[in-house]
Amino acid sequence: MRPKRLISLLVAVCMMITMLPLSAVTAFAEDTSASTEQETKDGYKYAYTVNDGNATITEFLGPDDSVNPVDPTSTVSYDIEIPSELGNCPVTGLGEYSFSTCYTISNDKHLCELRYNIRSVTIPQSVTSIGKSAFEHCSKLDSLTIKGVATSIGAYAFASCTSLTSLSLVGSFQTIGDSAFVNCGMTSLTIDATITSIEKYAFSSRFLTSLSLTGNVQKIGDYAFANCTSLTSLSLTGNVQKIGDHAFDSCSSLNTVTFPKSPTSIGSYAFDSCTSLNSIEIPGTVTEIGDCAFYHCSGLTSVKIDEGVQSTGADMFNDCGQLTTVTFPESLTTIADGSFASCSNLNHVKIPARVTCIGDSAFSNCTSLSEITLQDGVKTIGANAFFPAKRSPRSLCRTV
């Protein structure tokens, strides 16, 4: 088609559109987004949208104005049983910031106190997803019941709910998002559910004292429990396979760790600075150990590495100054760089027969080491492997 004829055709189409009724023009650019509705249930008002016959709560609007007008100075507590149905549609989702946003009273007046008045929440069976920051900063929330089959808890969903002191997750969850419960006030946590993944910083909190993962958790994300400085015991008796970088970094009160017989990977700095940990047993299923996995566990006195493990991680036990006893498996073939550097109380080491390589500075600055038994299989001994000079781990520039 010639350019002039194409231009003429476009002009004609534009003229036809301008002559159409307004309703017809609207049909060309129909807005497919769901409209927001409002409804009051059990004395509380909710804004929601409907898609494919399912309702998602987009905003909690507080008490029904006609029954109990919103008062900016009120300190009343809200006990919310989230409705399972709005607009004759099942409520399947709690949207992003749905219970943590500010409520607009008028064009120039906003009320941000609603989230601070929420005391208890019951989430019904119909809900399958809890969105990002849905209850963030609901600092008075002290009771949470999730009855349903929610498959995911979004990032920051319950972040900084400092009054939430206990939590038991037994539903059909699959993922707990980044920082979902960061800085919450819970002291104990039991996860016995279908959850397969706990993401970054999900439960990082100084209040947590005990943790039990007995369900189907397979992945503990980076920093998931970092800086849980009050955590004293850890039971991983489920199906945990991957423990992420810094997963339990700086859990300085942690003295007991029980691993299942399933982990394949322990991340870098996973238990860094767990200074109260006194003994550890590495399961034989572990095939990958990151740098400095147990760096500066200054209270650690004994280590047992189970049969099946073939290599230690670089700087794995660097600066574990109280470590006196290490039991190696016969399956071990490599002792990585700096694995036991600065273990100043380690006094004797028996290297298994299959070990062919001892890395650089593997036992450097082990100033009490008086007896070393080497087997014929050792082919490579790295620089300063037994040199009495302190070795710093590969990276000390880190932020937790």
Protein backbone atom coordinates (compact mmCIF):
# COMPACT_ATOMS: atom_id res chain seq x y z
CA MET A 1 0.00 0.00 0.00
CA ARG A 2 1.31 3.44 -0.92
CA PRO A 3 2.11 5.84 1.95
CA LYS A 4 -0.42 8.46 0.77
CA ARG A 5 -3.25 5.88 0.66
CA LEU A 6 -2.28 4.61 4.15
CA ILE A 7 -2.39 8.13 5.60
CA SER A 8 -5.78 8.76 3.97
CA LEU A 9 -7.15 5.55 5.49
CA LEU A 10 -5.96 6.45 9.01
CA VAL A 11 -7.55 9.91 8.75
CA ALA A 12 -10.83 8.32 7.69
CA VAL A 13 -10.81 5.94 10.65
CA CYS A 14 -10.15 8.80 13.07
CA MET A 15 -13.07 10.78 11.60
CA MET A 16 -15.36 7.78 12.00
CA ILE A 17 -14.41 7.37 15.67
CA THR A 18 -15.14 11.05 16.41
CA MET A 19 -18.62 10.61 14.93
CA LEU A 20 -19.44 7.59 17.12
CA PRO A 21 -21.55 7.95 20.29
CA LEU A 22 -19.54 8.33 23.50
CA SER A 23 -20.57 4.85 24.67
CA ALA A 24 -19.14 3.31 21.52
CA VAL A 25 -15.83 5.15 21.94
CA THR A 26 -15.67 3.91 25.51
CA ALA A 27 -16.07 0.37 24.25
CA PHE A 28 -12.84 0.73 22.25
CA ALA A 29 -10.87 1.56 25.43
CA GLU A 30 -12.75 -0.48 27.99
CA ASP A 31 -11.09 -0.54 31.43
CA THR A 32 -10.72 -4.17 32.39
CA SER A 33 -9.54 -3.43 35.93
CA ALA A 34 -11.85 -4.44 38.77
CA SER A 35 -13.80 -1.67 40.47
CA THR A 36 -13.54 -1.18 44.23
CA GLU A 37 -16.62 -1.87 46.35
CA GLN A 38 -17.31 -1.38 50.06
CA GLU A 39 -19.24 -3.51 52.50
CA THR A 40 -19.73 -3.71 56.26
CA LYS A 41 -19.55 -7.06 58.04
CA ASP A 42 -19.77 -7.61 61.80
CA GLY A 43 -19.40 -3.90 62.48
CA TYR A 44 -16.30 -3.34 60.32
CA LYS A 45 -16.09 -1.83 56.87
CA TYR A 46 -13.93 -3.23 54.07
CA ALA A 47 -12.99 -2.11 50.58
CA TYR A 48 -12.59 -4.94 48.13
CA THR A 49 -12.34 -5.89 44.48
CA VAL A 50 -13.75 -8.89 42.64
CA ASN A 51 -11.92 -10.84 39.97
CA ASP A 52 -13.14 -14.10 38.46
CA GLY A 53 -15.77 -14.39 41.16
CA ASN A 54 -13.28 -14.05 44.06
CA ALA A 55 -13.00 -11.08 46.41
CA THR A 56 -9.74 -9.50 47.61
CA ILE A 57 -9.81 -7.09 50.53
CA THR A 58 -7.86 -4.01 49.50
CA GLU A 59 -8.35 -1.83 52.59
CA PHE A 60 -9.64 -2.16 56.13
CA LEU A 61 -11.77 0.94 56.80
CA GLY A 62 -12.35 0.45 60.51
CA PRO A 63 -15.63 0.43 62.43
CA ASP A 64 -18.83 1.17 60.54
CA ASP A 65 -19.30 4.96 60.77
CA SER A 66 -23.03 4.63 61.33
CA VAL A 67 -22.55 2.35 64.34
CA ASN A 68 -19.27 3.55 65.82
CA PRO A 69 -17.84 6.64 64.06
CA VAL A 70 -14.07 6.75 63.64
CA ASP A 71 -12.57 8.87 66.39
CA PRO A 72 -8.92 9.95 65.90
CA THR A 73 -8.41 10.01 69.69
CA SER A 74 -9.97 6.59 70.30
CA THR A 75 -7.86 3.83 71.85
CA VAL A 76 -10.45 1.08 71.33
CA SER A 77 -9.11 -2.32 70.28
CA TYR A 78 -10.38 -4.14 67.22
CA ASP A 79 -11.02 -7.87 67.34
CA ILE A 80 -11.46 -8.74 63.69
CA GLU A 81 -12.89 -11.90 62.23
CA ILE A 82 -12.25 -11.35 58.56
CA PRO A 83 -15.39 -12.17 56.55
CA SER A 84 -15.30 -15.23 54.33
CA GLU A 85 -17.60 -13.52 51.85
CA LEU A 86 -18.04 -10.00 50.47
CA GLY A 87 -20.42 -9.04 47.67
CA ASN A 88 -21.63 -12.64 47.62
CA CYS A 89 -18.13 -13.70 46.57
CA PRO A 90 -15.65 -15.74 48.62
CA VAL A 91 -12.80 -13.71 50.12
CA THR A 92 -9.66 -15.42 48.84
CA GLY A 93 -7.05 -12.68 49.23
CA LEU A 94 -5.85 -9.98 51.62
CA GLY A 95 -4.22 -7.34 49.42
CA GLU A 96 -0.97 -5.45 49.88
CA TYR A 97 -1.10 -3.05 52.86
CA SER A 98 -4.79 -3.98 53.28
CA PHE A 99 -4.81 -3.62 57.08
CA SER A 100 -1.84 -1.27 57.50
CA THR A 101 -2.62 1.78 55.36
CA CYS A 102 -3.85 5.16 56.54
CA TYR A 103 -7.60 5.77 56.38
CA THR A 104 -8.78 8.91 54.60
CA ILE A 105 -11.41 10.75 56.65
CA SER A 106 -11.70 13.72 54.28
CA ASN A 107 -9.71 15.32 51.49
CA ASP A 108 -7.30 16.95 53.90
CA LYS A 109 -7.50 14.63 56.92
CA HIS A 110 -6.03 11.16 57.30
CA LEU A 111 -6.12 8.67 60.13
CA CYS A 112 -3.25 6.23 60.51
CA GLU A 113 -4.32 4.84 63.88
CA LEU A 114 -6.51 2.01 62.59
CA ARG A 115 -3.61 -0.41 62.27
CA TYR A 116 -2.47 0.39 65.81
CA ASN A 117 -5.89 -0.54 67.23
CA ILE A 118 -6.03 -4.04 65.74
CA ARG A 119 -5.71 -6.51 68.63
CA SER A 120 -6.77 -9.88 67.21
CA VAL A 121 -7.29 -11.26 63.73
CA THR A 122 -8.92 -14.46 62.55
CA ILE A 123 -8.35 -15.32 58.90
CA PRO A 124 -10.99 -17.66 57.43
CA GLN A 125 -10.58 -20.83 55.43
CA SER A 126 -11.43 -19.10 52.18
CA VAL A 127 -8.24 -16.98 52.15
CA THR A 128 -5.46 -18.43 50.01
CA SER A 129 -3.01 -15.50 49.95
CA ILE A 130 -1.89 -12.82 52.39
CA GLY A 131 -0.33 -9.89 50.54
CA LYS A 132 2.79 -7.82 51.08
CA SER A 133 2.74 -5.71 54.28
CA ALA A 134 -0.92 -6.66 54.90
CA PHE A 135 -0.56 -6.21 58.69
CA GLU A 136 2.78 -4.42 58.91
CA HIS A 137 3.18 -2.21 62.00
CA CYS A 138 0.00 -3.54 63.65
CA SER A 139 1.91 -3.22 66.89
CA LYS A 140 -1.00 -4.19 69.19
CA LEU A 141 -1.81 -7.39 67.34
CA ASP A 142 -1.36 -10.13 69.93
CA SER A 143 -3.58 -12.90 68.60
CA LEU A 144 -3.44 -14.35 65.10
CA THR A 145 -5.48 -17.32 63.91
CA ILE A 146 -5.15 -18.56 60.37
CA LYS A 147 -7.85 -21.15 59.75
CA GLY A 148 -7.46 -21.49 56.05
CA VAL A 149 -5.34 -22.95 53.34
CA ALA A 150 -3.33 -19.83 52.52
CA THR A 151 -0.56 -20.89 50.19
CA SER A 152 1.63 -17.84 50.71
CA ILE A 153 2.37 -15.15 53.26
CA GLY A 154 3.76 -12.10 51.48
CA ALA A 155 6.86 -10.05 52.27
CA TYR A 156 6.55 -7.94 55.44
CA ALA A 157 2.99 -9.29 55.93
CA PHE A 158 3.27 -9.17 59.74
CA ALA A 159 6.50 -7.20 60.11
CA SER A 160 6.93 -5.24 63.36
CA CYS A 161 3.87 -6.78 65.01
CA THR A 162 5.72 -6.49 68.29
CA SER A 163 2.84 -7.72 70.47
CA LEU A 164 2.52 -10.99 68.55
CA THR A 165 4.23 -13.28 71.06
CA SER A 166 3.29 -16.75 69.81
CA LEU A 167 2.66 -18.30 66.44
CA SER A 168 1.90 -21.81 65.27
CA LEU A 169 1.65 -22.43 61.54
CA VAL A 170 -0.12 -25.70 60.80
CA GLY A 171 -1.98 -24.90 57.57
CA SER A 172 -1.31 -25.56 53.92
CA PHE A 173 1.23 -22.79 53.42
CA GLN A 174 3.97 -23.10 50.84
CA THR A 175 6.02 -19.91 51.17
CA ILE A 176 6.71 -17.39 53.93
CA GLY A 177 7.91 -14.24 52.19
CA ASP A 178 10.88 -11.97 52.83
CA SER A 179 10.71 -10.34 56.28
CA ALA A 180 7.15 -11.67 56.76
CA PHE A 181 7.50 -11.72 60.56
CA VAL A 182 10.64 -9.63 61.00
CA ASN A 183 10.84 -7.84 64.37
CA CYS A 184 7.74 -9.59 65.71
CA GLY A 185 7.45 -10.18 69.45
CA MET A 186 6.99 -13.95 69.34
CA THR A 187 9.13 -15.94 71.75
CA SER A 188 8.35 -19.40 70.39
CA LEU A 189 7.71 -20.65 66.90
CA THR A 190 6.49 -24.02 65.67
CA ILE A 191 6.12 -24.70 61.97
CA ASP A 192 4.38 -28.00 61.34
CA ALA A 193 2.86 -27.39 57.94
CA THR A 194 3.37 -27.90 54.23
CA ILE A 195 5.63 -24.84 54.02
CA THR A 196 8.53 -25.56 51.70
CA SER A 197 10.37 -22.22 51.78
CA ILE A 198 11.15 -19.60 54.43
CA GLU A 199 12.54 -16.52 52.69
CA LYS A 200 15.06 -13.81 53.66
CA TYR A 201 14.77 -12.24 57.13
CA ALA A 202 11.37 -13.94 57.57
CA PHE A 203 11.70 -14.35 61.35
CA SER A 204 14.65 -12.17 62.26
CA SER A 205 13.75 -10.93 65.75
CA ARG A 206 15.51 -10.44 69.06
CA PHE A 207 12.52 -11.90 70.96
CA LEU A 208 12.49 -15.45 69.56
CA THR A 209 13.75 -18.02 72.10
CA SER A 210 12.81 -21.42 70.64
CA LEU A 211 12.21 -22.76 67.16
CA SER A 212 10.92 -26.08 65.90
CA LEU A 213 10.61 -26.95 62.21
CA THR A 214 8.88 -30.31 62.03
CA GLY A 215 6.96 -29.96 58.79
CA ASN A 216 8.03 -29.99 55.16
CA VAL A 217 10.34 -26.96 55.18
CA GLN A 218 13.00 -27.57 52.56
CA LYS A 219 14.69 -24.17 52.30
CA ILE A 220 15.70 -21.71 55.00
CA GLY A 221 16.54 -18.49 53.20
CA ASP A 222 19.45 -16.09 53.68
CA TYR A 223 19.28 -14.25 57.02
CA ALA A 224 15.94 -15.98 57.78
CA PHE A 225 16.68 -16.09 61.53
CA ALA A 226 19.70 -13.77 61.68
CA ASN A 227 20.11 -11.71 64.84
CA CYS A 228 17.68 -13.83 66.85
CA THR A 229 19.87 -13.09 69.84
CA SER A 230 17.49 -14.73 72.35
CA LEU A 231 17.14 -18.02 70.44
CA THR A 232 18.51 -20.80 72.65
CA SER A 233 17.44 -24.01 70.92
CA LEU A 234 16.93 -25.05 67.32
CA SER A 235 15.28 -28.26 66.17
CA LEU A 236 15.37 -28.98 62.45
CA THR A 237 13.67 -32.37 62.39
CA GLY A 238 11.74 -32.07 59.15
CA ASN A 239 12.90 -32.15 55.55
CA VAL A 240 15.28 -29.16 55.52
CA GLN A 241 17.68 -29.40 52.59
CA LYS A 242 19.16 -25.94 52.18
CA ILE A 243 20.27 -23.58 54.96
CA GLY A 244 20.98 -20.20 53.39
CA ASP A 245 23.80 -17.70 53.87
CA HIS A 246 23.75 -16.06 57.31
CA ALA A 247 20.56 -18.02 58.12
CA PHE A 248 21.32 -18.06 61.87
CA ASP A 249 24.06 -15.45 61.93
CA SER A 250 24.64 -13.82 65.34
CA CYS A 251 22.19 -16.04 67.22
CA SER A 252 24.48 -15.52 70.18
CA SER A 253 22.38 -17.45 72.74
CA LEU A 254 21.95 -20.55 70.58
CA ASN A 255 23.42 -23.52 72.43
CA THR A 256 21.68 -26.52 70.84
CA VAL A 257 21.19 -27.38 67.18
CA THR A 258 19.54 -30.59 65.98
CA PHE A 259 19.91 -31.27 62.27
CA PRO A 260 17.70 -33.70 60.35
CA LYS A 261 19.30 -36.31 58.11
CA SER A 262 18.39 -34.33 55.01
CA PRO A 263 20.45 -31.11 54.53
CA THR A 264 22.58 -30.97 51.42
CA SER A 265 23.77 -27.37 51.74
CA ILE A 266 24.91 -25.11 54.60
CA GLY A 267 25.45 -21.54 53.44
CA SER A 268 28.26 -19.07 54.07
CA TYR A 269 28.26 -17.63 57.61
CA ALA A 270 25.13 -19.72 58.32
CA PHE A 271 25.98 -19.97 62.04
CA ASP A 272 28.54 -17.18 62.27
CA SER A 273 29.03 -15.80 65.80
CA CYS A 274 26.74 -18.33 67.50
CA THR A 275 29.00 -17.90 70.48
CA SER A 276 27.02 -20.11 72.89
CA LEU A 277 27.00 -23.17 70.63
CA ASN A 278 29.14 -25.85 72.31
CA SER A 279 28.86 -28.86 70.00
CA ILE A 280 27.74 -29.59 66.46
CA GLU A 281 27.21 -32.67 64.30
CA ILE A 282 27.29 -32.21 60.52
CA PRO A 283 24.96 -34.69 58.76
CA GLY A 284 26.45 -36.98 56.15
CA THR A 285 24.02 -35.71 53.52
CA VAL A 286 25.79 -32.33 53.31
CA THR A 287 27.56 -31.89 49.97
CA GLU A 288 28.10 -28.12 50.01
CA ILE A 289 29.38 -25.95 52.86
CA GLY A 290 29.86 -22.21 52.35
CA ASP A 291 32.73 -20.09 53.59
CA CYS A 292 32.88 -19.43 57.34
CA ALA A 293 29.77 -21.50 58.08
CA PHE A 294 30.64 -21.65 61.80
CA TYR A 295 33.05 -18.75 61.96
CA HIS A 296 33.71 -17.31 65.43
CA CYS A 297 31.60 -19.85 67.31
CA SER A 298 33.83 -19.11 70.25
CA GLY A 299 32.09 -21.50 72.67
CA LEU A 300 32.29 -24.54 70.36
CA THR A 301 34.26 -27.37 71.97
CA SER A 302 33.49 -30.44 69.85
CA VAL A 303 32.66 -31.17 66.22
CA LYS A 304 31.53 -34.43 64.64
CA ILE A 305 31.33 -34.70 60.86
CA ASP A 306 29.24 -37.69 59.80
CA GLU A 307 30.14 -40.31 57.23
CA GLY A 308 29.28 -39.12 53.72
CA VAL A 309 30.72 -35.61 53.91
CA GLN A 310 33.63 -35.28 51.46
CA SER A 311 34.91 -31.76 52.08
CA THR A 312 34.93 -29.14 54.78
CA GLY A 313 34.09 -25.56 53.86
CA ALA A 314 36.68 -22.81 53.57
CA ASP A 315 37.23 -21.18 56.97
CA MET A 316 34.44 -23.40 58.24
CA PHE A 317 35.51 -23.30 61.91
CA ASN A 318 37.89 -20.36 61.74
CA ASP A 319 38.35 -18.62 65.10
CA CYS A 320 36.57 -21.29 67.15
CA GLY A 321 39.04 -20.79 69.97
CA GLN A 322 37.59 -23.35 72.41
CA LEU A 323 37.40 -26.22 69.93
CA THR A 324 39.32 -29.22 71.29
CA THR A 325 37.85 -32.27 69.54
CA VAL A 326 37.13 -32.95 65.87
CA THR A 327 35.88 -36.28 64.55
CA PHE A 328 36.40 -36.71 60.81
CA PRO A 329 34.57 -39.26 58.62
CA GLU A 330 36.44 -41.76 56.47
CA SER A 331 34.61 -40.31 53.44
CA LEU A 332 36.48 -36.98 53.75
CA THR A 333 38.81 -36.21 50.83
CA THR A 334 39.49 -32.47 51.24
CA ILE A 335 40.16 -30.14 54.15
CA ALA A 336 39.57 -26.72 52.63
CA ASP A 337 41.55 -23.51 53.09
CA GLY A 338 41.45 -22.15 56.62
CA SER A 339 38.97 -24.77 57.82
CA PHE A 340 40.35 -24.83 61.37
CA ALA A 341 42.48 -21.70 61.43
CA SER A 342 42.87 -20.06 64.85
CA CYS A 343 41.37 -23.01 66.71
CA SER A 344 43.90 -22.33 69.44
CA ASN A 345 42.81 -25.14 71.79
CA LEU A 346 42.80 -27.93 69.20
CA ASN A 347 45.55 -30.28 70.39
CA HIS A 348 45.51 -33.33 68.11
CA VAL A 349 44.27 -34.16 64.62
CA LYS A 350 43.97 -37.48 62.81
CA ILE A 351 43.60 -37.03 59.08
CA PRO A 352 41.46 -39.77 57.42
CA ALA A 353 43.05 -42.05 54.81
CA ARG A 354 41.08 -40.70 51.84
CA VAL A 355 42.16 -37.09 52.34
CA THR A 356 44.30 -36.05 49.39
CA CYS A 357 44.36 -32.29 49.90
CA ILE A 358 44.87 -30.06 52.94
CA GLY A 359 44.27 -26.45 51.93
CA ASP A 360 46.15 -23.23 52.60
CA SER A 361 46.24 -22.25 56.28
CA ALA A 362 43.90 -25.15 57.11
CA PHE A 363 45.27 -25.39 60.67
CA SER A 364 47.21 -22.14 60.92
CA ASN A 365 47.54 -20.56 64.34
CA CYS A 366 46.40 -23.75 66.10
CA THR A 367 48.89 -22.97 68.84
CA SER A 368 48.01 -25.99 71.02
CA LEU A 369 48.27 -28.54 68.20
CA SER A 370 50.83 -31.08 69.40
CA GLU A 371 49.96 -34.19 67.40
CA ILE A 372 49.08 -34.60 63.71
CA THR A 373 48.50 -37.97 62.06
CA LEU A 374 48.77 -37.97 58.27
CA GLN A 375 47.93 -40.88 55.99
CA ASP A 376 49.69 -41.95 52.79
CA GLY A 377 46.89 -40.58 50.62
CA VAL A 378 47.74 -36.91 51.23
CA LYS A 379 49.13 -35.46 48.02
CA THR A 380 48.85 -31.71 48.59
CA ILE A 381 49.50 -29.62 51.68
CA GLY A 382 48.77 -25.95 51.08
CA ALA A 383 50.82 -22.93 52.07
CA ASN A 384 50.94 -22.31 55.82
CA ALA A 385 48.65 -25.29 56.41
CA PHE A 386 50.08 -25.78 59.90
CA PHE A 387 51.86 -22.46 60.21
CA PRO A 388 51.44 -20.73 63.58
CA ALA A 389 50.24 -17.49 62.04
CA LYS A 390 46.73 -16.16 62.29
CA ARG A 391 44.59 -16.35 59.15
CA SER A 392 41.66 -14.02 58.69
CA PRO A 393 38.60 -15.48 56.97
CA ARG A 394 38.06 -14.61 53.34
CA SER A 395 35.60 -11.81 54.00
CA LEU A 396 35.09 -9.89 57.20
CA CYS A 397 33.37 -6.97 55.48
CA ARG A 398 29.75 -8.00 55.94
CA THR A 399 26.56 -6.43 57.16
CA VAL A 400 23.97 -8.29 59.22
